[in-house]
Amino acid sequence: MNENKKILITGGSGGIGTAICDLYQSKQFKLILTSSSDEKLEKLKLRYGENNHYYKLDLLNKENVENTTLDISKNHKDISIIINNAGLTKDNLLLRMKSNQWEDVITTNLSSNYYILKSLLPNMMSNKYGKVIGISSVIALTGNAGQSNYAASKSGLLGLYKSLALEFSKRNININVISPGFIRSPMTDKLTENQKNEILSKIPSNRFGLPKDVANLVYFLSSDESSYITGQNFNINGGMLMP
């Protein structure tokens, strides 16, 4: 893989996002990182240095997303990899769910992908090369009580990316999705032993995944070794779901 390639990563400050950014920086890629928070953006700058690029991207603000992605598309026409990793949860049972809880999760997790890809895919078409990877979730396939908004947004990604794979495959652009299961994170670390044991009982591997497990798969799908793979959803969950 060409080590001078430029990669856009949204949601770079989370557990999986950090593992992805660390891996590509170690491979000497030029990083273009986004965050909706000034505080998180500053932390990204401290971690990855001034030689990379940083953008404030408020995924809940359509105008900001359109303007920022337009700016990115003009200044970075050579982006060869897009990783849409940013996500949001606002859990509630359906009958208690507020309309903003539904709309914010759908906007952040699904609609933002539409705006980002619509802005940046034309450059990939011109370059006749591109790799696009969306991060979905095992919940997209299983559903989960109290997460109907999250499940809808993540399953929506599967339909979006499969459709785009059909539209762009002849342009040498590969578009795939990864659906992680339970990945070790500050959230899983806060679970009680009983909660952990209940979850682990459903995972044949009997362990939570690590962020680097997802990052390694992302890297493979962004490499030329995966050039004949497009329109696929890759489950990475220790065997808890075998569709």
Protein backbone atom coordinates (compact mmCIF):
# COMPACT_ATOMS: atom_id res chain seq x y z
CA MET A 1 0.00 0.00 0.00
CA ASN A 2 1.25 3.46 -0.93
CA GLU A 3 2.33 5.04 2.35
CA ASN A 4 1.69 8.55 1.03
CA LYS A 5 -2.05 7.97 0.74
CA LYS A 6 -4.41 10.37 2.45
CA ILE A 7 -7.22 9.06 4.66
CA LEU A 8 -10.30 10.75 6.14
CA ILE A 9 -11.48 9.34 9.48
CA THR A 10 -14.58 10.54 11.34
CA GLY A 11 -14.99 9.70 15.01
CA GLY A 12 -11.26 9.43 15.56
CA SER A 13 -11.34 10.08 19.31
CA GLY A 14 -13.30 6.99 20.40
CA GLY A 15 -11.83 3.59 21.22
CA ILE A 16 -12.16 2.09 17.75
CA GLY A 17 -11.41 5.46 16.13
CA THR A 18 -8.18 5.85 18.09
CA ALA A 19 -7.04 2.35 17.13
CA ILE A 20 -7.73 3.12 13.46
CA CYS A 21 -5.89 6.46 13.59
CA ASP A 22 -2.91 4.95 15.43
CA LEU A 23 -2.58 2.17 12.87
CA TYR A 24 -2.64 4.48 9.85
CA GLN A 25 -0.26 6.95 11.44
CA SER A 26 2.15 4.07 12.10
CA LYS A 27 1.95 3.33 8.37
CA GLN A 28 2.82 6.99 7.64
CA PHE A 29 -0.52 7.94 6.14
CA LYS A 30 -1.59 11.58 6.07
CA LEU A 31 -4.59 11.81 8.41
CA ILE A 32 -7.61 14.05 7.94
CA LEU A 33 -9.53 13.86 11.20
CA THR A 34 -12.88 15.33 12.18
CA SER A 35 -14.70 15.88 15.44
CA SER A 36 -17.84 17.69 16.51
CA SER A 37 -16.15 18.92 19.69
CA ASP A 38 -13.40 21.55 19.96
CA GLU A 39 -12.05 19.74 23.03
CA LYS A 40 -11.80 16.40 21.22
CA LEU A 41 -10.28 18.10 18.18
CA GLU A 42 -7.53 19.58 20.37
CA LYS A 43 -6.83 16.15 21.85
CA LEU A 44 -6.52 14.73 18.35
CA LYS A 45 -4.06 17.47 17.41
CA LEU A 46 -1.95 16.74 20.49
CA ARG A 47 -1.91 13.01 19.75
CA TYR A 48 -1.27 13.10 16.01
CA GLY A 49 0.65 16.33 15.53
CA GLU A 50 0.65 19.31 13.20
CA ASN A 51 1.54 17.36 10.06
CA ASN A 52 -2.02 16.08 9.77
CA HIS A 53 -5.30 17.93 9.12
CA TYR A 54 -8.22 18.60 11.48
CA TYR A 55 -11.77 19.79 10.86
CA LYS A 56 -14.68 20.69 13.12
CA LEU A 57 -17.56 18.63 11.75
CA ASP A 58 -20.90 18.89 13.57
CA LEU A 59 -22.81 15.93 12.20
CA LEU A 60 -26.08 17.27 13.62
CA ASN A 61 -25.74 20.49 11.61
CA LYS A 62 -26.53 19.90 7.93
CA GLU A 63 -25.13 23.27 6.84
CA ASN A 64 -21.88 22.71 8.74
CA VAL A 65 -21.48 19.22 7.27
CA GLU A 66 -22.08 20.44 3.72
CA ASN A 67 -19.72 23.42 4.07
CA THR A 68 -16.97 21.46 5.85
CA THR A 69 -17.03 18.51 3.47
CA LEU A 70 -16.97 20.93 0.53
CA ASP A 71 -13.87 22.52 2.06
CA ILE A 72 -12.27 19.11 2.54
CA SER A 73 -13.09 18.06 -1.02
CA LYS A 74 -11.49 21.20 -2.45
CA ASN A 75 -8.33 21.04 -0.33
CA HIS A 76 -7.80 17.28 -0.36
CA LYS A 77 -8.70 15.98 -3.80
CA ASP A 78 -6.30 13.06 -3.28
CA ILE A 79 -8.15 11.36 -0.41
CA SER A 80 -8.02 7.67 -1.24
CA ILE A 81 -9.66 6.19 1.88
CA ILE A 82 -12.76 7.27 3.82
CA ILE A 83 -13.59 5.69 7.18
CA ASN A 84 -17.01 6.76 8.48
CA ASN A 85 -16.69 5.76 12.12
CA ALA A 86 -18.49 8.56 14.00
CA GLY A 87 -21.55 7.42 15.92
CA LEU A 88 -24.03 8.43 18.60
CA THR A 89 -26.34 6.61 21.02
CA LYS A 90 -29.40 8.04 22.75
CA ASP A 91 -31.07 4.93 24.10
CA ASN A 92 -34.67 4.65 25.20
CA LEU A 93 -37.65 2.36 24.83
CA LEU A 94 -39.77 3.40 21.85
CA LEU A 95 -42.74 4.65 23.85
CA ARG A 96 -40.43 6.84 25.97
CA MET A 97 -38.19 7.98 23.14
CA LYS A 98 -38.23 11.71 22.40
CA SER A 99 -38.31 12.80 18.77
CA ASN A 100 -34.88 14.42 19.12
CA GLN A 101 -33.43 11.13 20.39
CA TRP A 102 -34.63 9.45 17.22
CA GLU A 103 -33.66 12.27 14.85
CA ASP A 104 -30.22 12.95 16.34
CA VAL A 105 -29.13 9.30 16.12
CA ILE A 106 -30.44 8.87 12.57
CA THR A 107 -28.81 12.15 11.49
CA THR A 108 -25.43 11.40 13.06
CA ASN A 109 -25.13 7.71 12.25
CA LEU A 110 -26.81 7.54 8.85
CA SER A 111 -27.60 10.86 7.15
CA SER A 112 -24.09 12.24 7.72
CA ASN A 113 -22.72 9.42 5.56
CA TYR A 114 -24.87 10.64 2.67
CA TYR A 115 -23.50 14.19 2.86
CA ILE A 116 -19.88 13.15 3.40
CA LEU A 117 -19.83 10.63 0.56
CA LYS A 118 -21.77 12.83 -1.84
CA SER A 119 -19.09 15.51 -1.36
CA LEU A 120 -16.01 13.29 -1.52
CA LEU A 121 -16.84 10.47 -3.92
CA PRO A 122 -16.58 12.72 -7.03
CA ASN A 123 -12.84 13.14 -6.34
CA MET A 124 -12.44 9.38 -6.04
CA MET A 125 -14.24 9.01 -9.36
CA SER A 126 -11.83 11.47 -10.97
CA ASN A 127 -8.88 9.62 -9.46
CA LYS A 128 -10.37 6.26 -10.49
CA TYR A 129 -9.49 4.87 -7.08
CA GLY A 130 -11.02 4.76 -3.64
CA LYS A 131 -11.79 2.72 -0.54
CA VAL A 132 -14.81 3.54 1.63
CA ILE A 133 -15.56 1.75 4.89
CA GLY A 134 -18.52 2.38 7.17
CA ILE A 135 -18.69 1.19 10.76
CA SER A 136 -22.05 -0.35 11.59
CA SER A 137 -22.85 -2.67 14.51
CA VAL A 138 -23.99 -6.19 15.35
CA ILE A 139 -27.15 -4.44 16.60
CA ALA A 140 -27.99 -3.66 12.96
CA LEU A 141 -28.66 -7.37 12.45
CA THR A 142 -29.95 -8.46 15.86
CA GLY A 143 -31.86 -5.39 17.05
CA ASN A 144 -31.77 -4.45 20.72
CA ALA A 145 -34.48 -3.38 23.12
CA GLY A 146 -34.10 0.31 23.92
CA GLN A 147 -31.99 0.96 20.83
CA SER A 148 -34.50 1.07 18.00
CA ASN A 149 -33.03 4.39 16.80
CA TYR A 150 -29.46 3.07 16.88
CA ALA A 151 -30.43 -0.23 15.21
CA ALA A 152 -32.33 1.60 12.47
CA SER A 153 -29.40 3.93 11.78
CA LYS A 154 -26.83 1.14 11.66
CA SER A 155 -28.95 -1.19 9.54
CA GLY A 156 -29.61 1.75 7.23
CA LEU A 157 -25.86 1.92 6.63
CA LEU A 158 -25.92 -1.61 5.25
CA GLY A 159 -28.46 -0.69 2.58
CA LEU A 160 -26.72 2.59 1.78
CA TYR A 161 -23.26 1.08 1.36
CA LYS A 162 -24.46 -1.92 -0.66
CA SER A 163 -26.28 0.43 -3.02
CA LEU A 164 -23.26 2.70 -3.38
CA ALA A 165 -21.03 -0.31 -4.00
CA LEU A 166 -23.22 -1.11 -7.01
CA GLU A 167 -23.06 2.48 -8.24
CA PHE A 168 -19.29 2.94 -7.95
CA SER A 169 -17.66 -0.47 -8.39
CA LYS A 170 -16.93 0.15 -12.08
CA ARG A 171 -14.98 3.27 -11.04
CA ASN A 172 -12.46 1.17 -9.06
CA ILE A 173 -14.02 2.28 -5.76
CA ASN A 174 -14.59 -0.41 -3.12
CA ILE A 175 -17.31 0.26 -0.54
CA ASN A 176 -17.79 -2.04 2.46
CA VAL A 177 -19.16 -2.10 6.01
CA ILE A 178 -17.80 -3.55 9.24
CA SER A 179 -20.19 -4.51 12.03
CA PRO A 180 -18.38 -4.88 15.37
CA GLY A 181 -19.86 -6.80 18.26
CA PHE A 182 -18.84 -6.09 21.86
CA ILE A 183 -15.49 -4.31 21.72
CA ARG A 184 -13.58 -3.47 24.89
CA SER A 185 -14.10 0.19 25.74
CA PRO A 186 -14.64 2.47 28.76
CA MET A 187 -18.31 1.47 28.50
CA THR A 188 -17.64 -2.27 28.76
CA ASP A 189 -15.10 -1.65 31.53
CA LYS A 190 -17.90 -0.12 33.65
CA LEU A 191 -20.10 -3.22 33.41
CA THR A 192 -20.55 -5.32 36.53
CA GLU A 193 -19.13 -8.83 36.60
CA ASN A 194 -22.65 -10.25 36.25
CA GLN A 195 -23.31 -8.07 33.20
CA LYS A 196 -19.99 -9.05 31.64
CA ASN A 197 -20.62 -12.75 32.27
CA GLU A 198 -24.10 -12.53 30.73
CA ILE A 199 -22.69 -10.94 27.57
CA LEU A 200 -19.70 -13.29 27.39
CA SER A 201 -22.00 -16.30 27.63
CA LYS A 202 -23.32 -15.32 24.19
CA ILE A 203 -19.84 -14.97 22.64
CA PRO A 204 -18.21 -18.28 21.60
CA SER A 205 -14.75 -16.69 21.84
CA ASN A 206 -15.56 -15.87 25.49
CA ARG A 207 -13.93 -12.44 25.35
CA PHE A 208 -14.65 -8.91 24.27
CA GLY A 209 -12.98 -7.79 21.08
CA LEU A 210 -10.21 -5.21 21.09
CA PRO A 211 -10.32 -1.95 19.12
CA LYS A 212 -7.25 -3.12 17.20
CA ASP A 213 -9.24 -6.14 15.97
CA VAL A 214 -11.53 -3.74 14.12
CA ALA A 215 -8.66 -1.50 13.01
CA ASN A 216 -6.82 -4.45 11.46
CA LEU A 217 -9.87 -5.36 9.39
CA VAL A 218 -10.32 -1.73 8.34
CA TYR A 219 -6.71 -1.67 7.17
CA PHE A 220 -7.10 -4.83 5.11
CA LEU A 221 -10.27 -3.54 3.43
CA SER A 222 -8.49 -0.29 2.56
CA SER A 223 -5.55 -2.12 1.00
CA ASP A 224 -5.06 -3.24 -2.59
CA GLU A 225 -5.13 -6.84 -1.33
CA SER A 226 -8.92 -6.42 -0.97
CA SER A 227 -9.49 -5.06 -4.48
CA TYR A 228 -12.06 -7.76 -5.36
CA ILE A 229 -14.19 -7.16 -2.25
CA THR A 230 -17.04 -4.65 -2.36
CA GLY A 231 -20.62 -4.35 -1.13
CA GLN A 232 -19.97 -6.60 1.86
CA ASN A 233 -20.75 -6.44 5.55
CA PHE A 234 -18.08 -7.98 7.76
CA ASN A 235 -19.14 -9.18 11.20
CA ILE A 236 -16.41 -9.06 13.82
CA ASN A 237 -17.93 -10.30 17.05
CA GLY A 238 -16.17 -13.43 18.32
CA GLY A 239 -18.82 -15.67 16.78
CA MET A 240 -21.85 -14.30 18.67
CA LEU A 241 -23.72 -13.82 15.38
CA MET A 242 -23.35 -16.12 12.40
CA PRO A 243 -25.90 -14.94 9.81
